[in-house]
N, C-alpha and C. Protein backbone atom coordinates (compact mmCIF):
# COMPACT_ATOMS: atom_id res chain seq x y z
N MET A 1 -34.93 280.90 -117.22
CA MET A 1 -33.80 280.31 -116.09
C MET A 1 -32.78 281.20 -116.49
N THR A 2 -32.08 281.82 -115.67
CA THR A 2 -30.60 282.59 -115.90
C THR A 2 -29.55 282.43 -116.32
N ASN A 3 -28.32 281.93 -116.81
CA ASN A 3 -27.11 281.33 -116.36
C ASN A 3 -26.32 282.83 -115.83
N THR A 4 -25.50 283.12 -114.79
CA THR A 4 -25.16 284.14 -114.93
C THR A 4 -23.80 283.51 -113.70
N LYS A 5 -22.90 284.31 -113.68
CA LYS A 5 -21.85 284.22 -112.41
C LYS A 5 -22.00 284.59 -111.18
N ASN A 6 -21.59 284.22 -110.63
CA ASN A 6 -21.77 284.97 -108.96
C ASN A 6 -20.23 285.34 -108.87
N THR A 7 -19.53 286.25 -109.55
CA THR A 7 -18.41 286.55 -108.89
C THR A 7 -18.26 287.06 -107.36
N SER A 8 -19.07 286.81 -106.56
CA SER A 8 -18.37 287.69 -105.47
C SER A 8 -18.15 285.98 -104.49
N ASP A 9 -18.57 285.00 -104.86
CA ASP A 9 -17.98 283.24 -104.60
C ASP A 9 -16.48 283.65 -104.50
N PRO A 10 -16.15 283.21 -102.93
CA PRO A 10 -14.60 283.20 -102.47
C PRO A 10 -13.88 282.22 -103.58
N GLN A 11 -14.41 281.38 -103.97
CA GLN A 11 -13.54 280.69 -105.04
C GLN A 11 -13.21 281.16 -105.85
N SER A 12 -13.86 281.80 -107.10
CA SER A 12 -14.37 282.50 -108.10
C SER A 12 -12.86 283.87 -107.80
N ARG A 13 -13.16 284.40 -106.92
CA ARG A 13 -11.19 285.27 -106.80
C ARG A 13 -10.68 284.62 -106.51
N GLN A 14 -10.38 283.78 -105.56
CA GLN A 14 -8.98 282.95 -105.51
C GLN A 14 -8.67 282.66 -107.21
N GLU A 15 -9.38 282.56 -107.87
CA GLU A 15 -9.14 281.80 -109.20
C GLU A 15 -8.51 283.08 -110.05
N SER A 16 -9.22 283.56 -109.85
CA SER A 16 -9.23 285.15 -110.65
C SER A 16 -7.90 286.20 -110.52
N SER A 17 -7.43 285.82 -108.72
CA SER A 17 -6.27 286.31 -108.10
C SER A 17 -5.45 285.45 -108.44
N ARG A 18 -5.49 284.46 -108.86
CA ARG A 18 -4.05 283.67 -109.54
C ARG A 18 -3.73 284.05 -110.74
N ASN A 19 -4.73 284.35 -111.13
CA ASN A 19 -4.68 284.51 -112.47
C ASN A 19 -3.87 285.78 -113.62
N THR A 20 -3.82 286.85 -112.66
CA THR A 20 -4.02 287.90 -112.33
C THR A 20 -2.51 288.06 -112.17
N GLN A 21 -1.65 288.99 -112.66
CA GLN A 21 -0.46 289.08 -112.50
C GLN A 21 -0.03 290.79 -111.63
N SER A 22 0.72 291.11 -110.84
CA SER A 22 1.27 292.43 -110.60
C SER A 22 2.44 293.06 -111.41
N PRO A 23 2.56 294.51 -111.79
CA PRO A 23 3.37 294.73 -112.37
C PRO A 23 4.70 293.82 -112.52
N ARG A 24 5.00 294.09 -111.25
CA ARG A 24 6.64 293.41 -110.69
C ARG A 24 6.39 292.07 -111.06
N ASP A 25 5.09 291.00 -111.20
CA ASP A 25 5.53 290.07 -111.34
C ASP A 25 5.64 289.81 -112.63
N VAL A 26 5.21 290.65 -113.45
CA VAL A 26 5.46 290.82 -114.64
C VAL A 26 6.57 290.75 -115.68
N GLU A 27 7.42 292.26 -114.90
CA GLU A 27 8.28 292.63 -115.02
C GLU A 27 9.70 291.26 -114.24
N SER A 28 8.98 290.64 -113.81
CA SER A 28 10.18 289.51 -113.21
C SER A 28 9.56 288.31 -114.48
N SER A 29 8.74 288.39 -114.77
CA SER A 29 8.36 287.39 -116.07
C SER A 29 9.46 287.38 -116.83
N ARG A 30 9.45 288.93 -117.37
CA ARG A 30 9.63 289.33 -118.52
C ARG A 30 11.37 289.27 -118.67
N ASP A 31 12.18 289.58 -117.17
CA ASP A 31 13.55 289.59 -117.27
C ASP A 31 14.05 288.13 -117.47
N ALA A 32 12.88 287.08 -116.62
CA ALA A 32 13.16 285.12 -116.88
C ALA A 32 13.65 285.36 -118.08
N MET A 33 12.18 285.55 -119.01
CA MET A 33 12.28 285.29 -120.80
C MET A 33 13.53 285.98 -121.40
N GLU A 34 14.47 287.22 -120.85
CA GLU A 34 15.36 287.85 -121.50
C GLU A 34 16.42 287.00 -121.14
N ASP A 35 16.29 285.89 -119.78
CA ASP A 35 18.06 285.32 -119.34
C ASP A 35 17.64 284.22 -120.48
N ASN A 36 16.17 283.33 -120.39
CA ASN A 36 16.04 282.53 -121.53
C ASN A 36 16.77 282.77 -122.93
N THR A 37 16.92 283.83 -123.05
CA THR A 37 17.77 284.26 -124.75
C THR A 37 18.80 284.67 -124.28
N GLY A 38 19.45 284.63 -123.22
CA GLY A 38 21.41 285.17 -122.89
C GLY A 38 21.38 286.79 -122.52
N THR A 39 20.07 287.54 -123.56
CA THR A 39 20.71 288.85 -123.72
C THR A 39 20.99 289.86 -122.45
N THR A 40 19.80 289.20 -121.05
CA THR A 40 20.58 289.85 -120.01
C THR A 40 20.17 288.78 -118.83
N THR A 41 21.00 289.14 -117.54
CA THR A 41 21.08 288.02 -116.37
C THR A 41 20.95 289.54 -115.67
N HIS A 42 20.01 288.54 -114.79
CA HIS A 42 19.36 289.59 -113.57
C HIS A 42 19.69 288.40 -112.31
N SER A 43 19.81 287.32 -112.31
CA SER A 43 20.22 285.92 -110.97
C SER A 43 21.49 286.52 -110.28
N THR A 44 21.19 285.98 -109.35
CA THR A 44 21.78 285.33 -108.13
C THR A 44 22.53 284.58 -107.87
N ALA A 45 22.73 284.39 -109.31
CA ALA A 45 23.51 282.94 -109.42
C ALA A 45 25.23 283.48 -109.75
N ASP A 46 24.65 284.57 -110.66
CA ASP A 46 25.79 285.32 -111.23
C ASP A 46 26.73 286.25 -110.53
N ARG A 47 26.48 286.51 -109.21
CA ARG A 47 26.82 287.00 -108.35
C ARG A 47 28.43 286.47 -107.72
N ARG A 48 29.63 287.46 -107.74
CA ARG A 48 30.51 286.60 -107.18
C ARG A 48 30.29 286.26 -105.37
N PRO A 49 31.27 285.60 -105.27
CA PRO A 49 31.48 285.10 -103.52
C PRO A 49 31.54 286.50 -102.69
N SER A 50 31.25 286.12 -101.67
CA SER A 50 32.24 287.04 -100.91
C SER A 50 33.30 286.48 -100.13
N PRO A 51 34.44 287.39 -99.77
CA PRO A 51 35.42 286.94 -99.18
C PRO A 51 35.20 285.73 -97.96
N MET A 52 34.37 286.04 -96.90
CA MET A 52 34.21 285.19 -96.05
C MET A 52 33.59 283.95 -96.86
N GLU A 53 32.41 284.17 -97.92
CA GLU A 53 32.38 282.61 -98.34
C GLU A 53 33.40 281.83 -99.11
N VAL A 54 34.64 282.60 -99.92
CA VAL A 54 36.03 282.05 -100.31
C VAL A 54 36.42 281.45 -99.47
N LEU A 55 36.50 281.86 -98.19
CA LEU A 55 37.27 281.21 -97.09
C LEU A 55 36.56 280.21 -96.47
N ARG A 56 35.36 279.88 -96.71
CA ARG A 56 34.68 279.04 -96.34
C ARG A 56 34.52 277.58 -97.15
N GLN A 57 34.31 277.76 -98.13
CA GLN A 57 34.32 276.78 -99.41
C GLN A 57 35.69 276.44 -99.89
N ALA A 58 36.83 277.51 -99.09
CA ALA A 58 38.43 276.94 -99.48
C ALA A 58 38.75 275.67 -98.42
N ARG A 59 38.40 276.38 -97.17
CA ARG A 59 38.47 275.00 -95.93
C ARG A 59 37.57 274.22 -96.42
N GLU A 60 36.32 274.35 -96.69
CA GLU A 60 35.29 273.29 -97.11
C GLU A 60 36.26 271.46 -97.78
N GLN A 61 36.19 272.08 -98.94
CA GLN A 61 36.62 272.23 -100.36
C GLN A 61 37.82 271.58 -100.25
N LEU A 62 38.94 271.58 -99.36
CA LEU A 62 40.36 271.07 -99.02
C LEU A 62 40.44 269.75 -98.01
N ALA A 63 39.38 270.07 -96.88
CA ALA A 63 39.57 269.01 -96.08
C ALA A 63 38.58 267.81 -97.22
N GLU A 64 37.35 268.50 -97.60
CA GLU A 64 36.87 266.90 -98.77
C GLU A 64 38.35 266.43 -99.42
N LEU A 65 38.85 266.88 -100.20
CA LEU A 65 39.71 266.49 -100.73
C LEU A 65 41.18 265.60 -99.56
N THR A 66 41.30 266.35 -98.85
CA THR A 66 42.99 265.70 -98.15
C THR A 66 42.42 264.64 -96.57
N GLY A 67 40.56 265.15 -96.63
CA GLY A 67 40.64 264.52 -95.26
C GLY A 67 40.60 264.88 -94.02
N MET A 68 41.52 266.07 -93.83
CA MET A 68 42.22 266.80 -92.94
C MET A 68 41.41 267.99 -92.72
N ALA A 69 40.95 268.56 -91.74
CA ALA A 69 40.47 269.39 -91.18
C ALA A 69 41.81 270.94 -91.18
N ALA A 70 41.06 271.94 -91.74
CA ALA A 70 41.56 273.20 -91.81
C ALA A 70 41.47 273.89 -90.49
N GLU A 71 42.88 274.23 -89.92
CA GLU A 71 42.53 274.74 -88.50
C GLU A 71 42.41 276.08 -88.49
N SER A 72 43.36 277.03 -89.74
CA SER A 72 43.08 278.39 -89.57
C SER A 72 43.62 278.47 -90.97
N VAL A 73 43.32 279.92 -91.27
CA VAL A 73 43.86 280.50 -93.08
C VAL A 73 44.99 281.89 -92.34
N SER A 74 46.13 281.53 -92.55
CA SER A 74 46.87 282.60 -92.31
C SER A 74 47.53 283.67 -93.80
N SER A 75 46.85 283.23 -94.60
CA SER A 75 47.50 284.01 -95.26
C SER A 75 45.84 283.81 -96.76
N PHE A 76 45.10 285.44 -97.30
CA PHE A 76 44.39 285.57 -98.05
C PHE A 76 44.50 286.44 -98.70
N GLU A 77 44.51 286.16 -100.66
CA GLU A 77 44.91 287.48 -101.27
C GLU A 77 43.89 287.02 -102.78
N GLN A 78 43.54 288.30 -103.16
CA GLN A 78 42.61 288.06 -104.36
C GLN A 78 43.73 288.66 -105.40
N THR A 79 43.35 287.42 -106.08
CA THR A 79 44.84 287.12 -106.99
C THR A 79 43.93 287.66 -109.16
N GLU A 80 44.13 287.83 -110.06
CA GLU A 80 44.12 287.86 -111.28
C GLU A 80 43.16 286.85 -111.45
N GLU A 81 43.65 285.42 -111.37
CA GLU A 81 42.74 284.30 -111.25
C GLU A 81 41.98 283.79 -110.42
N GLY A 82 41.88 284.51 -109.61
CA GLY A 82 41.05 284.34 -108.31
C GLY A 82 41.89 284.54 -107.11
N TRP A 83 41.32 283.62 -106.09
CA TRP A 83 41.99 283.76 -104.60
C TRP A 83 43.34 282.95 -104.71
N ALA A 84 43.98 282.89 -103.93
CA ALA A 84 45.48 282.66 -103.25
C ALA A 84 45.27 282.84 -101.53
N LEU A 85 44.94 281.21 -101.41
CA LEU A 85 45.42 281.29 -99.33
C LEU A 85 46.49 279.99 -98.86
N GLU A 86 46.96 280.08 -98.11
CA GLU A 86 47.66 279.63 -97.16
C GLU A 86 46.76 278.97 -96.09
N VAL A 87 46.84 278.15 -95.47
CA VAL A 87 45.30 277.07 -94.88
C VAL A 87 46.62 276.38 -93.96
N GLU A 88 46.56 276.26 -92.65
CA GLU A 88 47.12 275.41 -91.70
C GLU A 88 46.02 274.76 -91.33
N VAL A 89 46.75 273.23 -91.63
CA VAL A 89 46.11 271.82 -91.75
C VAL A 89 46.44 271.18 -90.28
N LEU A 90 45.75 270.39 -89.53
CA LEU A 90 46.23 269.38 -88.61
C LEU A 90 46.08 267.82 -89.15
N GLU A 91 48.09 267.95 -89.16
CA GLU A 91 48.38 266.43 -90.28
C GLU A 91 48.13 265.14 -89.55
N LEU A 92 48.95 265.24 -88.23
CA LEU A 92 49.00 264.34 -87.28
C LEU A 92 48.98 264.70 -86.07
N GLU A 93 47.58 264.17 -85.30
CA GLU A 93 47.58 264.60 -83.84
C GLU A 93 48.60 263.56 -82.42
N ARG A 94 49.21 264.11 -82.12
CA ARG A 94 49.77 263.75 -80.64
C ARG A 94 49.62 264.14 -79.53
N VAL A 95 49.68 263.49 -79.17
CA VAL A 95 49.29 263.50 -77.26
C VAL A 95 51.53 263.91 -76.88
N PRO A 96 51.85 265.00 -76.13
CA PRO A 96 50.33 266.24 -76.05
C PRO A 96 50.69 266.82 -77.39
N ASP A 97 49.52 267.39 -77.84
CA ASP A 97 49.19 268.65 -78.04
C ASP A 97 50.33 269.41 -79.18
N THR A 98 51.02 269.80 -78.30
CA THR A 98 52.41 270.67 -78.90
C THR A 98 52.96 269.70 -79.86
N MET A 99 53.26 268.60 -79.71
CA MET A 99 53.97 268.09 -80.76
C MET A 99 53.23 267.09 -82.15
N SER A 100 51.82 267.67 -82.28
CA SER A 100 50.80 267.10 -83.55
C SER A 100 51.60 267.90 -84.28
N LEU A 101 51.72 267.05 -85.54
CA LEU A 101 51.82 267.36 -86.76
C LEU A 101 51.15 268.56 -87.75
N MET A 102 51.24 269.10 -88.42
CA MET A 102 50.85 270.93 -88.66
C MET A 102 51.23 270.88 -89.72
N ALA A 103 50.30 271.18 -91.35
CA ALA A 103 51.15 271.31 -92.71
C ALA A 103 50.30 272.82 -92.99
N THR A 104 51.34 274.06 -94.00
CA THR A 104 50.61 274.70 -94.69
C THR A 104 50.32 274.45 -95.98
N TYR A 105 49.22 274.75 -96.48
CA TYR A 105 48.94 274.31 -98.04
C TYR A 105 48.97 275.36 -98.06
N GLN A 106 49.20 275.65 -99.61
CA GLN A 106 49.26 277.00 -100.37
C GLN A 106 47.62 276.27 -101.78
N VAL A 107 46.38 276.76 -101.43
CA VAL A 107 45.17 276.73 -102.14
C VAL A 107 45.02 277.55 -102.87
N GLU A 108 44.91 277.23 -104.22
CA GLU A 108 44.24 278.51 -105.47
C GLU A 108 42.70 278.17 -105.34
N LEU A 109 41.64 279.10 -105.71
CA LEU A 109 40.29 279.03 -106.07
C LEU A 109 40.39 280.15 -107.10
N ASP A 110 39.52 279.83 -107.79
CA ASP A 110 38.88 280.46 -109.21
C ASP A 110 38.23 281.48 -108.99
N HIS A 111 37.17 282.70 -109.56
CA HIS A 111 36.55 284.10 -109.08
C HIS A 111 35.03 283.52 -108.67
N ASP A 112 35.05 282.33 -108.86
CA ASP A 112 33.71 281.39 -108.25
C ASP A 112 33.93 280.98 -106.76
N GLY A 113 35.25 280.99 -106.42
CA GLY A 113 35.52 280.21 -105.15
C GLY A 113 35.48 278.81 -105.11
N GLN A 114 36.13 278.15 -106.40
CA GLN A 114 35.73 276.69 -107.19
C GLN A 114 37.52 276.67 -106.33
N LEU A 115 37.34 275.71 -105.72
CA LEU A 115 39.11 275.06 -105.88
C LEU A 115 39.80 274.61 -107.03
N THR A 116 40.90 275.21 -107.47
CA THR A 116 41.79 274.77 -108.70
C THR A 116 42.72 273.63 -108.62
N GLY A 117 43.49 274.36 -107.32
CA GLY A 117 44.55 273.57 -106.92
C GLY A 117 45.17 273.32 -105.44
N TYR A 118 46.29 273.09 -105.34
CA TYR A 118 46.99 272.79 -103.89
C TYR A 118 47.93 272.12 -103.57
N ARG A 119 48.54 272.59 -102.29
CA ARG A 119 50.00 272.04 -102.93
C ARG A 119 50.29 272.48 -101.03
N ARG A 120 50.63 271.16 -100.25
CA ARG A 120 51.64 271.43 -99.21
C ARG A 120 52.86 271.80 -99.10
N THR A 121 52.94 273.27 -98.18
CA THR A 121 54.69 274.11 -98.67
C THR A 121 54.97 273.44 -97.59
N GLY A 122 54.95 273.09 -96.31
CA GLY A 122 55.82 273.12 -95.52
C GLY A 122 54.72 271.87 -94.06
N ARG A 123 55.97 271.41 -93.50
CA ARG A 123 55.35 271.23 -92.13
C ARG A 123 56.07 271.18 -91.13
N TYR A 124 55.65 270.74 -89.99
CA TYR A 124 56.14 271.31 -88.42
C TYR A 124 55.38 270.96 -86.97
N GLU A 125 56.39 271.03 -86.28
CA GLU A 125 55.05 270.46 -85.20
C GLU A 125 54.77 271.84 -84.52
N ARG A 126 53.45 271.30 -84.33
CA ARG A 126 52.80 272.66 -83.22
C ARG A 126 53.15 273.81 -82.46
N GLY A 127 53.82 273.20 -81.91
CA GLY A 127 54.38 273.62 -80.41
C GLY A 127 56.12 274.54 -80.87
N ARG A 128 56.47 274.51 -82.13
CA ARG A 128 57.70 275.00 -82.52
C ARG A 128 57.29 276.06 -83.93
N ALA A 129 57.96 277.20 -83.48
CA ALA A 129 57.99 278.15 -84.47
C ALA A 129 58.46 277.79 -85.62
N ASP A 130 57.47 278.41 -86.88
CA ASP A 130 58.48 278.37 -88.03
C ASP A 130 59.72 278.85 -88.45
N ALA A 131 60.47 278.41 -89.25
CA ALA A 131 61.64 279.40 -89.13
C ALA A 131 61.60 280.16 -90.49
N ARG A 132 60.67 280.04 -91.33
CA ARG A 132 60.99 281.22 -92.29
C ARG A 132 59.57 282.64 -91.90
N ARG A 133 59.25 282.31 -91.14
CA ARG A 133 58.40 283.56 -90.08
C ARG A 133 59.67 284.86 -89.67
N PRO A 134 59.34 286.39 -89.91
CA PRO A 134 60.30 286.61 -88.49
C PRO A 134 60.36 286.46 -87.02
N GLY A 135 61.59 286.66 -86.27
CA GLY A 135 61.20 286.16 -85.06
C GLY A 135 61.58 284.56 -85.07
N GLY A 136 61.09 283.45 -85.92
CA GLY A 136 61.37 281.81 -85.99
C GLY A 136 62.34 281.25 -86.00
N ARG A 137 62.64 280.49 -85.39
CA ARG A 137 63.78 279.96 -85.32
C ARG A 137 63.98 278.45 -85.93
């Protein structure tokens, strides 16, 4: 009796293919090990959010904190600390809609798009022009 292993068996091929790694897999494993030691980072979690992602995050976070939906972003800029936005929010809905009470909130976010602070800077009726802006009364 001979004791030989048939390598053409489909199950054997499947097991052997699971145990072998391509050069790309080996490189990824090596990078992952380097990440664990803190010497290199190749993670997508380390990338900064895009401006559109920051806008979406700001609106979502402000709505969650205040309970009021952000209607629009009227100002958006990158600062040394992260991001600064002015967001228009519906504070009190009235009929007719032009009498609804709106508010402008100044929102600050860090470089990762996490809200670090907000404050209401003005209130106005939807149908009225803002006196602070050119052309307003």
